[in-house]
Amino acid sequence: MHWLCLLIPYFGVIEIMNTTSIKVLLVEDDEAMRLEFEAMVATHDNLSLAGSVASLADAWKVLSHTIPDVAIIDLGLHDGDGIELIESLQQRGYPTAVLVATIFGDEAHVIRAIEAGARGYLLKDTSIEEFSRAVELVHGGGAPLSPQIARHLLKRFEPAEKSTITARSQLLTMREVDILKHISQGFTVAESARMLNISTHTVATHIKNIYSKLAVHNRVEAIIQARNQGLL
């Protein structure tokens, strides 16, 4: 491994960087849970800790000079709602993929987070194997979602918007449908571009057009809506 730095204390924030691995930011105010997540990151050679913090304020201190690949964010932080951070990351154009750290049965908050820009969720009692699998999946463009969460998200589009969205979805080009199929299978923009023999810029432009036509805001919603309309 090529280590950029080993251990840097920064206003109470732990930061560890490995330039060849997936950089993970942890935002969790339960210290025991945060330490457990840190240990899970340390266990895998392809993951490294970009930051481990307990508050929104400390999260922004890390984000001011580091762009993590994946952020695992708790929603009930003592200085605010984690959804505020997720929305801000989206609005500021951060490429960071977000997983919500939650407990079983908290579907309502998970759905709010996904609507704000999160790509999936991670249960707090997850195993080490499930932890690394979820991080790698979301980093690759996938969306770790349970069938229950997917069903809740489908209801978001029913019934008032259904006819309008159906009409828009019929305007998708063959190329846009091809790209939808690729991102639904977890391929990144770069991988999709290589497989379709087009530029990454072209793929990104098509994805923006897909979002507009399907009236969605992120990949998770696009995939769910496309399946709902029979496009996938």
Protein backbone atom coordinates (compact mmCIF):
# COMPACT_ATOMS: atom_id res chain seq x y z
CA MET A 1 0.00 0.00 0.00
CA HIS A 2 1.03 3.60 -0.56
CA TRP A 3 0.30 5.57 2.57
CA LEU A 4 -0.12 9.33 2.28
CA CYS A 5 -0.07 9.72 6.03
CA LEU A 6 -0.42 7.40 8.99
CA LEU A 7 -2.33 9.24 11.70
CA ILE A 8 -3.23 12.90 11.87
CA PRO A 9 -5.21 14.37 14.77
CA TYR A 10 -7.33 17.26 13.49
CA PHE A 11 -9.64 19.01 15.97
CA GLY A 12 -10.48 15.65 17.51
CA VAL A 13 -10.91 14.05 14.11
CA ILE A 14 -9.04 10.87 13.21
CA GLU A 15 -7.82 10.81 9.61
CA ILE A 16 -5.98 8.02 7.83
CA MET A 17 -5.27 8.04 4.11
CA ASN A 18 -4.38 5.29 1.69
CA THR A 19 -4.16 6.65 -1.85
CA THR A 20 -4.96 3.32 -3.53
CA SER A 21 -8.10 2.33 -1.60
CA ILE A 22 -11.71 3.41 -1.16
CA LYS A 23 -11.65 6.37 1.24
CA VAL A 24 -14.44 6.15 3.82
CA LEU A 25 -15.77 8.96 6.02
CA LEU A 26 -17.66 7.90 9.16
CA VAL A 27 -20.16 10.33 10.72
CA GLU A 28 -21.58 8.62 13.81
CA ASP A 29 -22.09 10.07 17.30
CA ASP A 30 -22.37 6.70 19.06
CA GLU A 31 -18.73 6.22 20.03
CA ALA A 32 -18.92 2.43 20.40
CA MET A 33 -20.57 2.11 16.98
CA ARG A 34 -18.08 4.49 15.38
CA LEU A 35 -15.13 2.54 16.78
CA GLU A 36 -16.66 -0.69 15.47
CA PHE A 37 -17.01 0.82 11.98
CA GLU A 38 -13.40 2.06 12.20
CA ALA A 39 -12.26 -1.48 12.98
CA MET A 40 -14.21 -2.82 10.01
CA VAL A 41 -12.53 -0.32 7.69
CA ALA A 42 -9.11 -1.22 9.09
CA THR A 43 -9.78 -4.94 8.51
CA HIS A 44 -9.98 -4.59 4.70
CA ASP A 45 -6.97 -3.71 2.55
CA ASN A 46 -9.11 -2.00 -0.09
CA LEU A 47 -10.70 0.43 2.42
CA SER A 48 -9.09 3.34 4.25
CA LEU A 49 -10.36 5.85 6.78
CA ALA A 50 -10.72 9.38 5.43
CA GLY A 51 -12.21 10.60 8.69
CA SER A 52 -14.13 9.46 11.75
CA VAL A 53 -16.28 12.11 13.43
CA ALA A 54 -19.25 12.48 15.76
CA SER A 55 -20.87 15.68 14.49
CA LEU A 56 -21.87 17.68 11.42
CA ALA A 57 -19.38 20.38 12.37
CA ASP A 58 -16.46 17.94 12.44
CA ALA A 59 -17.67 16.31 9.22
CA TRP A 60 -17.36 19.64 7.41
CA LYS A 61 -13.85 20.12 8.85
CA VAL A 62 -12.82 16.89 7.14
CA LEU A 63 -14.71 17.69 3.94
CA SER A 64 -13.02 21.09 3.71
CA HIS A 65 -9.76 19.39 2.68
CA THR A 66 -10.68 15.78 1.83
CA ILE A 67 -13.15 14.27 -0.63
CA PRO A 68 -14.05 10.75 0.55
CA ASP A 69 -15.24 8.13 -1.92
CA VAL A 70 -17.95 6.89 0.47
CA ALA A 71 -19.56 8.51 3.51
CA ILE A 72 -21.45 6.48 6.12
CA ILE A 73 -23.73 8.95 7.89
CA ASP A 74 -25.89 8.55 10.98
CA LEU A 75 -29.06 10.65 10.82
CA GLY A 76 -29.58 11.47 14.51
CA LEU A 77 -26.49 13.56 15.29
CA HIS A 78 -26.34 15.75 18.39
CA ASP A 79 -25.76 18.96 16.40
CA GLY A 80 -28.26 18.34 13.61
CA ASP A 81 -29.88 15.92 11.17
CA GLY A 82 -27.54 13.85 9.01
CA ILE A 83 -29.93 14.47 6.10
CA GLU A 84 -28.73 18.10 6.13
CA LEU A 85 -25.23 16.85 5.37
CA ILE A 86 -26.47 14.52 2.61
CA GLU A 87 -28.42 17.36 0.96
CA SER A 88 -25.44 19.69 1.19
CA LEU A 89 -23.11 17.13 -0.41
CA GLN A 90 -25.55 16.85 -3.32
CA GLN A 91 -26.00 20.60 -3.69
CA ARG A 92 -22.25 21.27 -3.63
CA GLY A 93 -21.53 18.59 -6.23
CA TYR A 94 -19.45 16.23 -4.08
CA PRO A 95 -18.89 12.88 -5.86
CA THR A 96 -19.08 11.08 -2.50
CA ALA A 97 -21.48 8.12 -2.41
CA VAL A 98 -23.55 8.11 0.79
CA LEU A 99 -24.73 5.17 2.90
CA VAL A 100 -27.08 5.81 5.82
CA ALA A 101 -26.14 4.11 9.08
CA THR A 102 -29.41 2.95 10.62
CA ILE A 103 -31.17 0.35 12.73
CA PHE A 104 -33.61 -2.27 11.49
CA GLY A 105 -37.16 -0.95 11.06
CA ASP A 106 -36.26 2.70 10.49
CA GLU A 107 -37.51 2.71 6.89
CA ALA A 108 -39.12 6.16 7.07
CA HIS A 109 -35.84 7.92 7.86
CA VAL A 110 -33.96 5.85 5.28
CA ILE A 111 -36.43 6.90 2.59
CA ARG A 112 -36.00 10.58 3.53
CA ALA A 113 -32.24 10.16 3.28
CA ILE A 114 -32.45 8.47 -0.14
CA GLU A 115 -34.70 11.24 -1.41
CA ALA A 116 -32.02 13.66 -0.18
CA GLY A 117 -29.31 11.87 -2.18
CA ALA A 118 -28.16 8.79 -0.25
CA ARG A 119 -27.67 5.67 -2.38
CA GLY A 120 -28.48 3.03 0.20
CA TYR A 121 -28.22 2.10 3.83
CA LEU A 122 -26.09 0.06 6.21
CA LEU A 123 -27.56 -1.61 9.30
CA LYS A 124 -25.65 -0.85 12.50
CA ASP A 125 -25.51 -4.53 13.43
CA THR A 126 -23.98 -5.48 10.08
CA SER A 127 -21.21 -8.06 9.76
CA ILE A 128 -17.72 -7.20 8.55
CA GLU A 129 -18.44 -8.93 5.24
CA GLU A 130 -21.71 -7.05 4.71
CA PHE A 131 -20.01 -3.79 5.64
CA SER A 132 -17.26 -4.09 3.03
CA ARG A 133 -19.72 -5.42 0.41
CA ALA A 134 -22.04 -2.43 0.88
CA VAL A 135 -19.16 0.08 0.69
CA GLU A 136 -17.73 -1.50 -2.45
CA LEU A 137 -21.18 -1.75 -4.05
CA VAL A 138 -22.11 1.88 -3.49
CA HIS A 139 -18.63 3.03 -4.55
CA GLY A 140 -19.13 1.15 -7.83
CA GLY A 141 -22.45 2.87 -8.50
CA GLY A 142 -24.73 0.28 -6.94
CA ALA A 143 -27.53 0.82 -4.45
CA PRO A 144 -27.74 -1.40 -1.33
CA LEU A 145 -31.51 -1.46 -0.75
CA SER A 146 -33.86 -4.01 0.76
CA PRO A 147 -37.08 -5.00 -1.04
CA GLN A 148 -39.04 -3.24 1.72
CA ILE A 149 -37.28 0.08 1.09
CA ALA A 150 -37.67 -0.33 -2.68
CA ARG A 151 -41.42 -0.84 -2.28
CA HIS A 152 -41.68 2.30 -0.15
CA LEU A 153 -39.82 4.29 -2.81
CA LEU A 154 -42.09 3.00 -5.57
CA LYS A 155 -45.08 4.44 -3.72
CA ARG A 156 -43.46 7.87 -4.00
CA PHE A 157 -44.40 7.96 -7.68
CA GLU A 158 -48.00 6.78 -7.36
CA PRO A 159 -50.58 7.61 -8.51
CA ALA A 160 -50.72 11.30 -9.40
CA GLU A 161 -47.36 11.52 -11.12
CA LYS A 162 -47.64 8.19 -12.91
CA SER A 163 -49.14 9.36 -16.21
CA THR A 164 -46.75 12.30 -16.52
CA ILE A 165 -43.70 10.17 -15.74
CA THR A 166 -44.84 7.45 -18.15
CA ALA A 167 -45.13 10.01 -20.93
CA ARG A 168 -41.66 11.34 -20.18
CA SER A 169 -40.14 7.85 -19.99
CA GLN A 170 -41.41 7.12 -23.50
CA LEU A 171 -39.09 9.86 -24.72
CA LEU A 172 -35.97 7.92 -23.67
CA THR A 173 -33.68 7.12 -26.56
CA MET A 174 -32.26 3.64 -27.19
CA ARG A 175 -28.87 4.86 -25.99
CA GLU A 176 -30.38 6.22 -22.77
CA VAL A 177 -32.11 2.88 -22.15
CA ASP A 178 -28.75 1.12 -22.72
CA ILE A 179 -27.09 3.38 -20.16
CA LEU A 180 -29.96 2.80 -17.71
CA LYS A 181 -29.38 -0.93 -18.01
CA HIS A 182 -25.68 -0.51 -17.27
CA ILE A 183 -26.12 1.68 -14.20
CA SER A 184 -28.87 -0.63 -12.90
CA GLN A 185 -26.29 -3.43 -12.97
CA GLY A 186 -23.91 -1.38 -10.81
CA PHE A 187 -21.49 -0.21 -13.50
CA THR A 188 -19.84 3.18 -13.00
CA VAL A 189 -19.89 6.00 -15.54
CA ALA A 190 -16.37 5.08 -16.67
CA GLU A 191 -17.19 1.38 -16.99
CA SER A 192 -20.40 2.12 -18.92
CA ALA A 193 -18.51 4.45 -21.26
CA ARG A 194 -15.88 1.80 -21.95
CA MET A 195 -18.44 -0.93 -22.60
CA LEU A 196 -20.51 1.31 -24.90
CA ASN A 197 -17.41 2.75 -26.61
CA ILE A 198 -18.35 6.37 -25.84
CA SER A 199 -16.81 9.07 -23.66
CA THR A 200 -17.51 9.44 -19.94
CA HIS A 201 -18.75 12.97 -20.66
CA THR A 202 -21.34 11.57 -23.07
CA VAL A 203 -22.52 9.01 -20.51
CA ALA A 204 -22.80 11.70 -17.82
CA THR A 205 -24.85 13.89 -20.19
CA HIS A 206 -27.18 10.99 -21.00
CA ILE A 207 -27.65 10.29 -17.27
CA LYS A 208 -28.67 13.92 -16.66
CA ASN A 209 -31.18 13.65 -19.51
CA ILE A 210 -32.53 10.39 -18.04
CA TYR A 211 -33.02 12.06 -14.64
CA SER A 212 -34.90 14.92 -16.30
CA LYS A 213 -37.16 12.67 -18.37
CA LEU A 214 -37.97 10.38 -15.45
CA ALA A 215 -38.37 13.32 -13.04
CA VAL A 216 -35.88 11.84 -10.56
CA HIS A 217 -32.81 13.12 -8.73
CA ASN A 218 -30.43 10.19 -8.35
CA ARG A 219 -29.56 6.70 -9.62
CA VAL A 220 -31.66 4.86 -7.08
CA GLU A 221 -34.82 6.70 -8.10
CA ALA A 222 -33.97 6.35 -11.81
CA ILE A 223 -33.57 2.57 -11.53
CA ILE A 224 -36.75 2.15 -9.50
CA GLN A 225 -38.75 4.35 -11.85
CA ALA A 226 -37.38 2.59 -14.94
CA ARG A 227 -38.35 -0.80 -13.51
CA ASN A 228 -41.76 0.54 -12.57
CA GLN A 229 -42.28 1.67 -16.17
CA GLY A 230 -41.04 -1.59 -17.66
CA LEU A 231 -37.88 -0.06 -19.14
CA LEU A 232 -35.61 -2.57 -17.37
